[in-house]
Amino acid sequence: MTNKNCLDILKEILAKVSELPEEASQPFYKRHYIDILQHVLAVACDSSQVHVAGLTYYAEVLCALFRAPEYSIKLPLNSANEQQSNIDYIYEHIGGIFSQHFSNLTQDQIRVIIKGFFSFNTEIGLMRNHLRDFLIQIKEFNGEDTSDLFLEEREAEIQQAQSRKRAVPGMINPNDLQEEDVFY
């Protein structure tokens, strides 16, 4: 099963859980939400994984995950302090993990990263760009090449350019056209 398939299944599960009655959805969130969030962030931060499925797939799942505490999760996720809001708990929890694993990031950078995850949770394009910026910060510190983070957009631009060329009669050599491109 590919990363794309797994992310599609996860998106579908999250969508279906958010539509369930509270007596069914809330126990699911209480038991699984933090684990799912941690695992998705861990895979998204793995430089060898993101380009396999593409940033947009991860952005879609992250939107669903960071939207849930605002709109779907009603019971407290922090069993140790049930008075703490879920957003504050997630912020502290993820902030602690990021501080531990990304020593090159300052507390201010981590704060902005997490705030961005919550702020862009309804706009996939903005979430994708925010995720890309975060990954660039991580990769640059490690001295890794960041060009693979732009492949998805470059491929889309190339396809659009090809489509525009095909739309103009005479722009493409008739010998280069494939049979399905020929208009009768």
C-alpha atoms as a PDB file:
ATOM      1  CA  MET A   1       0.000   0.000   0.000  1.00  0.00           C
ATOM      2  CA  THR A   2       1.422   3.387  -0.954  1.00  0.00           C
ATOM      3  CA  ASN A   3       1.666   6.492   1.201  1.00  0.00           C
ATOM      4  CA  LYS A   4      -1.027   8.112  -0.959  1.00  0.00           C
ATOM      5  CA  ASN A   5      -3.402   5.222  -0.314  1.00  0.00           C
ATOM      6  CA  CYS A   6      -2.711   5.314   3.406  1.00  0.00           C
ATOM      7  CA  LEU A   7      -3.253   9.072   3.543  1.00  0.00           C
ATOM      8  CA  ASP A   8      -6.483   8.725   1.557  1.00  0.00           C
ATOM      9  CA  ILE A   9      -7.728   6.089   4.006  1.00  0.00           C
ATOM     10  CA  LEU A  10      -6.757   8.250   6.971  1.00  0.00           C
ATOM     11  CA  LYS A  11      -8.547  11.287   5.462  1.00  0.00           C
ATOM     12  CA  GLU A  12     -11.642   9.166   4.955  1.00  0.00           C
ATOM     13  CA  ILE A  13     -11.520   7.836   8.518  1.00  0.00           C
ATOM     14  CA  LEU A  14     -11.125  11.335   9.947  1.00  0.00           C
ATOM     15  CA  ALA A  15     -14.007  12.638   7.821  1.00  0.00           C
ATOM     16  CA  LYS A  16     -16.286   9.777   8.870  1.00  0.00           C
ATOM     17  CA  VAL A  17     -15.387  10.113  12.568  1.00  0.00           C
ATOM     18  CA  SER A  18     -16.148  13.840  12.461  1.00  0.00           C
ATOM     19  CA  GLU A  19     -19.655  12.998  11.163  1.00  0.00           C
ATOM     20  CA  LEU A  20     -20.386  10.415  13.874  1.00  0.00           C
ATOM     21  CA  PRO A  21     -22.535  11.244  16.891  1.00  0.00           C
ATOM     22  CA  GLU A  22     -20.498  12.487  19.851  1.00  0.00           C
ATOM     23  CA  GLU A  23     -20.970   9.258  21.838  1.00  0.00           C
ATOM     24  CA  ALA A  24     -19.045   7.439  19.095  1.00  0.00           C
ATOM     25  CA  SER A  25     -16.588  10.109  17.913  1.00  0.00           C
ATOM     26  CA  GLN A  26     -15.342  11.408  21.249  1.00  0.00           C
ATOM     27  CA  PRO A  27     -13.951   8.078  22.547  1.00  0.00           C
ATOM     28  CA  PHE A  28     -12.145   7.668  19.204  1.00  0.00           C
ATOM     29  CA  TYR A  29     -10.559  11.105  19.522  1.00  0.00           C
ATOM     30  CA  LYS A  30      -9.668  10.535  23.174  1.00  0.00           C
ATOM     31  CA  ARG A  31      -7.946   7.233  22.391  1.00  0.00           C
ATOM     32  CA  HIS A  32      -6.375   7.833  18.976  1.00  0.00           C
ATOM     33  CA  TYR A  33      -6.109  11.527  18.070  1.00  0.00           C
ATOM     34  CA  ILE A  34      -2.721  12.362  19.636  1.00  0.00           C
ATOM     35  CA  ASP A  35      -1.133   9.138  18.353  1.00  0.00           C
ATOM     36  CA  ILE A  36      -2.387   9.766  14.815  1.00  0.00           C
ATOM     37  CA  LEU A  37      -1.216  13.383  14.905  1.00  0.00           C
ATOM     38  CA  GLN A  38       2.243  12.402  16.150  1.00  0.00           C
ATOM     39  CA  HIS A  39       2.641   9.687  13.524  1.00  0.00           C
ATOM     40  CA  VAL A  40       1.509  11.888  10.636  1.00  0.00           C
ATOM     41  CA  LEU A  41       3.863  14.672  11.722  1.00  0.00           C
ATOM     42  CA  ALA A  42       6.724  12.176  12.107  1.00  0.00           C
ATOM     43  CA  VAL A  43       6.215  10.842   8.575  1.00  0.00           C
ATOM     44  CA  ALA A  44       5.704  14.336   7.144  1.00  0.00           C
ATOM     45  CA  CYS A  45       8.996  15.446   8.719  1.00  0.00           C
ATOM     46  CA  ASP A  46      10.887  12.471   7.269  1.00  0.00           C
ATOM     47  CA  SER A  47      12.679  13.859   4.238  1.00  0.00           C
ATOM     48  CA  SER A  48      12.473  10.547   2.398  1.00  0.00           C
ATOM     49  CA  GLN A  49       8.685  10.269   2.735  1.00  0.00           C
ATOM     50  CA  VAL A  50       7.113  13.598   1.739  1.00  0.00           C
ATOM     51  CA  HIS A  51       8.045  13.549  -1.925  1.00  0.00           C
ATOM     52  CA  VAL A  52       6.589  10.035  -2.285  1.00  0.00           C
ATOM     53  CA  ALA A  53       2.993  11.117  -1.625  1.00  0.00           C
ATOM     54  CA  GLY A  54       3.387  14.842  -2.174  1.00  0.00           C
ATOM     55  CA  LEU A  55       2.931  17.818   0.091  1.00  0.00           C
ATOM     56  CA  THR A  56      -0.715  18.266  -0.855  1.00  0.00           C
ATOM     57  CA  TYR A  57      -1.671  14.859   0.529  1.00  0.00           C
ATOM     58  CA  TYR A  58       0.020  15.623   3.840  1.00  0.00           C
ATOM     59  CA  ALA A  59      -1.499  19.104   3.890  1.00  0.00           C
ATOM     60  CA  GLU A  60      -4.992  17.652   3.464  1.00  0.00           C
ATOM     61  CA  VAL A  61      -4.504  15.261   6.375  1.00  0.00           C
ATOM     62  CA  LEU A  62      -2.899  17.938   8.551  1.00  0.00           C
ATOM     63  CA  CYS A  63      -5.826  20.262   7.834  1.00  0.00           C
ATOM     64  CA  ALA A  64      -8.230  17.577   9.055  1.00  0.00           C
ATOM     65  CA  LEU A  65      -6.123  16.831  12.120  1.00  0.00           C
ATOM     66  CA  PHE A  66      -5.638  20.445  13.180  1.00  0.00           C
ATOM     67  CA  ARG A  67      -9.284  21.299  12.419  1.00  0.00           C
ATOM     68  CA  ALA A  68     -10.590  18.543  14.707  1.00  0.00           C
ATOM     69  CA  PRO A  69      -9.703  20.184  18.060  1.00  0.00           C
ATOM     70  CA  GLU A  70     -11.466  23.371  16.979  1.00  0.00           C
ATOM     71  CA  TYR A  71     -14.641  21.864  15.579  1.00  0.00           C
ATOM     72  CA  SER A  72     -15.003  18.182  16.480  1.00  0.00           C
ATOM     73  CA  ILE A  73     -13.218  17.175  19.675  1.00  0.00           C
ATOM     74  CA  LYS A  74     -15.356  18.061  22.676  1.00  0.00           C
ATOM     75  CA  LEU A  75     -13.801  16.135  25.549  1.00  0.00           C
ATOM     76  CA  PRO A  76     -10.446  17.028  27.041  1.00  0.00           C
ATOM     77  CA  LEU A  77      -7.493  15.174  25.521  1.00  0.00           C
ATOM     78  CA  ASN A  78      -5.212  15.866  28.498  1.00  0.00           C
ATOM     79  CA  SER A  79      -6.251  13.394  31.192  1.00  0.00           C
ATOM     80  CA  ALA A  80      -3.747  14.903  33.623  1.00  0.00           C
ATOM     81  CA  ASN A  81      -5.298  18.388  33.334  1.00  0.00           C
ATOM     82  CA  GLU A  82      -8.845  18.295  32.019  1.00  0.00           C
ATOM     83  CA  GLN A  83      -9.169  22.070  32.479  1.00  0.00           C
ATOM     84  CA  GLN A  84      -6.563  22.703  29.771  1.00  0.00           C
ATOM     85  CA  SER A  85      -8.006  23.396  26.332  1.00  0.00           C
ATOM     86  CA  ASN A  86      -7.279  20.806  23.669  1.00  0.00           C
ATOM     87  CA  ILE A  87      -5.569  23.388  21.486  1.00  0.00           C
ATOM     88  CA  ASP A  88      -3.232  24.390  24.330  1.00  0.00           C
ATOM     89  CA  TYR A  89      -2.536  20.739  25.103  1.00  0.00           C
ATOM     90  CA  ILE A  90      -1.735  19.895  21.479  1.00  0.00           C
ATOM     91  CA  TYR A  91       0.387  23.040  21.199  1.00  0.00           C
ATOM     92  CA  GLU A  92       2.454  22.070  24.271  1.00  0.00           C
ATOM     93  CA  HIS A  93       2.651  18.400  23.324  1.00  0.00           C
ATOM     94  CA  ILE A  94       3.784  18.971  19.731  1.00  0.00           C
ATOM     95  CA  GLY A  95       6.006  21.867  20.834  1.00  0.00           C
ATOM     96  CA  GLY A  96       7.812  19.559  23.244  1.00  0.00           C
ATOM     97  CA  ILE A  97       8.333  16.930  20.565  1.00  0.00           C
ATOM     98  CA  PHE A  98       9.598  19.506  18.051  1.00  0.00           C
ATOM     99  CA  SER A  99      11.966  21.021  20.646  1.00  0.00           C
ATOM    100  CA  GLN A 100      13.375  17.579  21.356  1.00  0.00           C
ATOM    101  CA  HIS A 101      13.796  16.480  17.734  1.00  0.00           C
ATOM    102  CA  PHE A 102      14.641  19.748  15.979  1.00  0.00           C
ATOM    103  CA  SER A 103      17.321  21.384  18.087  1.00  0.00           C
ATOM    104  CA  ASN A 104      18.045  23.856  15.292  1.00  0.00           C
ATOM    105  CA  LEU A 105      14.627  25.503  15.737  1.00  0.00           C
ATOM    106  CA  THR A 106      14.106  28.232  18.300  1.00  0.00           C
ATOM    107  CA  GLN A 107      11.060  28.304  20.565  1.00  0.00           C
ATOM    108  CA  ASP A 108       9.734  31.223  18.499  1.00  0.00           C
ATOM    109  CA  GLN A 109      10.071  29.209  15.282  1.00  0.00           C
ATOM    110  CA  ILE A 110       8.280  26.250  16.874  1.00  0.00           C
ATOM    111  CA  ARG A 111       5.525  28.544  18.155  1.00  0.00           C
ATOM    112  CA  VAL A 112       4.999  29.992  14.665  1.00  0.00           C
ATOM    113  CA  ILE A 113       5.040  26.534  13.066  1.00  0.00           C
ATOM    114  CA  ILE A 114       2.364  25.182  15.392  1.00  0.00           C
ATOM    115  CA  LYS A 115       0.263  28.358  15.175  1.00  0.00           C
ATOM    116  CA  GLY A 116       0.431  28.028  11.402  1.00  0.00           C
ATOM    117  CA  PHE A 117      -0.849  24.445  11.564  1.00  0.00           C
ATOM    118  CA  PHE A 118      -3.906  25.684  13.462  1.00  0.00           C
ATOM    119  CA  SER A 119      -4.317  28.875  11.419  1.00  0.00           C
ATOM    120  CA  PHE A 120      -4.184  27.224   7.989  1.00  0.00           C
ATOM    121  CA  ASN A 121      -6.353  24.204   8.895  1.00  0.00           C
ATOM    122  CA  THR A 122      -9.139  25.209   6.494  1.00  0.00           C
ATOM    123  CA  GLU A 123      -6.968  26.085   3.478  1.00  0.00           C
ATOM    124  CA  ILE A 124      -5.043  23.214   1.919  1.00  0.00           C
ATOM    125  CA  GLY A 125      -2.851  25.442  -0.289  1.00  0.00           C
ATOM    126  CA  LEU A 126      -1.751  27.571   2.648  1.00  0.00           C
ATOM    127  CA  MET A 127      -1.175  24.462   4.777  1.00  0.00           C
ATOM    128  CA  ARG A 128       0.946  22.952   1.983  1.00  0.00           C
ATOM    129  CA  ASN A 129       3.071  26.117   1.803  1.00  0.00           C
ATOM    130  CA  HIS A 130       3.382  26.243   5.595  1.00  0.00           C
ATOM    131  CA  LEU A 131       4.423  22.587   5.716  1.00  0.00           C
ATOM    132  CA  ARG A 132       6.956  23.214   2.951  1.00  0.00           C
ATOM    133  CA  ASP A 133       8.446  26.172   4.868  1.00  0.00           C
ATOM    134  CA  PHE A 134       8.729  24.008   7.967  1.00  0.00           C
ATOM    135  CA  LEU A 135      10.425  21.202   6.041  1.00  0.00           C
ATOM    136  CA  ILE A 136      12.832  23.662   4.430  1.00  0.00           C
ATOM    137  CA  GLN A 137      13.859  24.907   7.875  1.00  0.00           C
ATOM    138  CA  ILE A 138      14.555  21.332   8.948  1.00  0.00           C
ATOM    139  CA  LYS A 139      16.371  20.311   5.743  1.00  0.00           C
ATOM    140  CA  GLU A 140      18.539  23.420   5.493  1.00  0.00           C
ATOM    141  CA  PHE A 141      19.875  22.810   8.983  1.00  0.00           C
ATOM    142  CA  ASN A 142      20.759  19.239   8.033  1.00  0.00           C
ATOM    143  CA  GLY A 143      22.374  20.407   4.802  1.00  0.00           C
ATOM    144  CA  GLU A 144      19.860  18.527   2.685  1.00  0.00           C
ATOM    145  CA  ASP A 145      18.646  19.516  -0.760  1.00  0.00           C
ATOM    146  CA  THR A 146      15.232  21.206  -0.608  1.00  0.00           C
ATOM    147  CA  SER A 147      14.418  21.188  -4.326  1.00  0.00           C
ATOM    148  CA  ASP A 148      12.255  18.051  -4.032  1.00  0.00           C
ATOM    149  CA  LEU A 149       9.762  20.050  -1.976  1.00  0.00           C
ATOM    150  CA  PHE A 150       8.776  21.989  -5.096  1.00  0.00           C
ATOM    151  CA  LEU A 151       8.379  19.036  -7.505  1.00  0.00           C
ATOM    152  CA  GLU A 152       4.610  18.854  -7.214  1.00  0.00           C
ATOM    153  CA  GLU A 153       4.155  22.480  -8.282  1.00  0.00           C
ATOM    154  CA  ARG A 154       6.760  22.218 -11.037  1.00  0.00           C
ATOM    155  CA  GLU A 155       5.031  19.179 -12.524  1.00  0.00           C
ATOM    156  CA  ALA A 156       1.676  20.996 -12.457  1.00  0.00           C
ATOM    157  CA  GLU A 157       3.225  24.043 -14.156  1.00  0.00           C
ATOM    158  CA  ILE A 158       4.707  21.827 -16.881  1.00  0.00           C
ATOM    159  CA  GLN A 159       1.359  20.116 -17.478  1.00  0.00           C
ATOM    160  CA  GLN A 160      -0.393  23.495 -17.700  1.00  0.00           C
ATOM    161  CA  ALA A 161       2.200  24.761 -20.183  1.00  0.00           C
ATOM    162  CA  GLN A 162       1.755  21.635 -22.309  1.00  0.00           C
ATOM    163  CA  SER A 163      -2.023  22.063 -22.230  1.00  0.00           C
ATOM    164  CA  ARG A 164      -1.732  25.710 -23.294  1.00  0.00           C
ATOM    165  CA  LYS A 165       0.538  24.704 -26.171  1.00  0.00           C
ATOM    166  CA  ARG A 166      -1.876  22.013 -27.318  1.00  0.00           C
ATOM    167  CA  ALA A 167      -4.719  24.528 -27.278  1.00  0.00           C
ATOM    168  CA  VAL A 168      -3.004  26.726 -29.883  1.00  0.00           C
ATOM    169  CA  PRO A 169      -3.222  25.242 -33.384  1.00  0.00           C
ATOM    170  CA  GLY A 170       0.169  24.795 -34.999  1.00  0.00           C
ATOM    171  CA  MET A 171       2.233  25.129 -31.781  1.00  0.00           C
ATOM    172  CA  ILE A 172       3.085  21.435 -31.779  1.00  0.00           C
ATOM    173  CA  ASN A 173       4.586  19.623 -34.737  1.00  0.00           C
ATOM    174  CA  PRO A 174       1.839  17.371 -36.161  1.00  0.00           C
ATOM    175  CA  ASN A 175       4.318  14.470 -36.196  1.00  0.00           C
ATOM    176  CA  ASP A 176       4.737  14.848 -32.414  1.00  0.00           C
ATOM    177  CA  LEU A 177       1.000  14.560 -31.744  1.00  0.00           C
ATOM    178  CA  GLN A 178      -0.328  11.287 -30.484  1.00  0.00           C
ATOM    179  CA  GLU A 179      -3.457   9.846 -32.048  1.00  0.00           C
ATOM    180  CA  GLU A 180      -5.765  11.023 -29.223  1.00  0.00           C
ATOM    181  CA  ASP A 181      -4.463  14.604 -29.696  1.00  0.00           C
ATOM    182  CA  VAL A 182      -5.456  14.775 -33.362  1.00  0.00           C
ATOM    183  CA  PHE A 183      -8.747  16.561 -34.008  1.00  0.00           C
ATOM    184  CA  TYR A 184     -10.826  15.507 -36.992  1.00  0.00           C
END
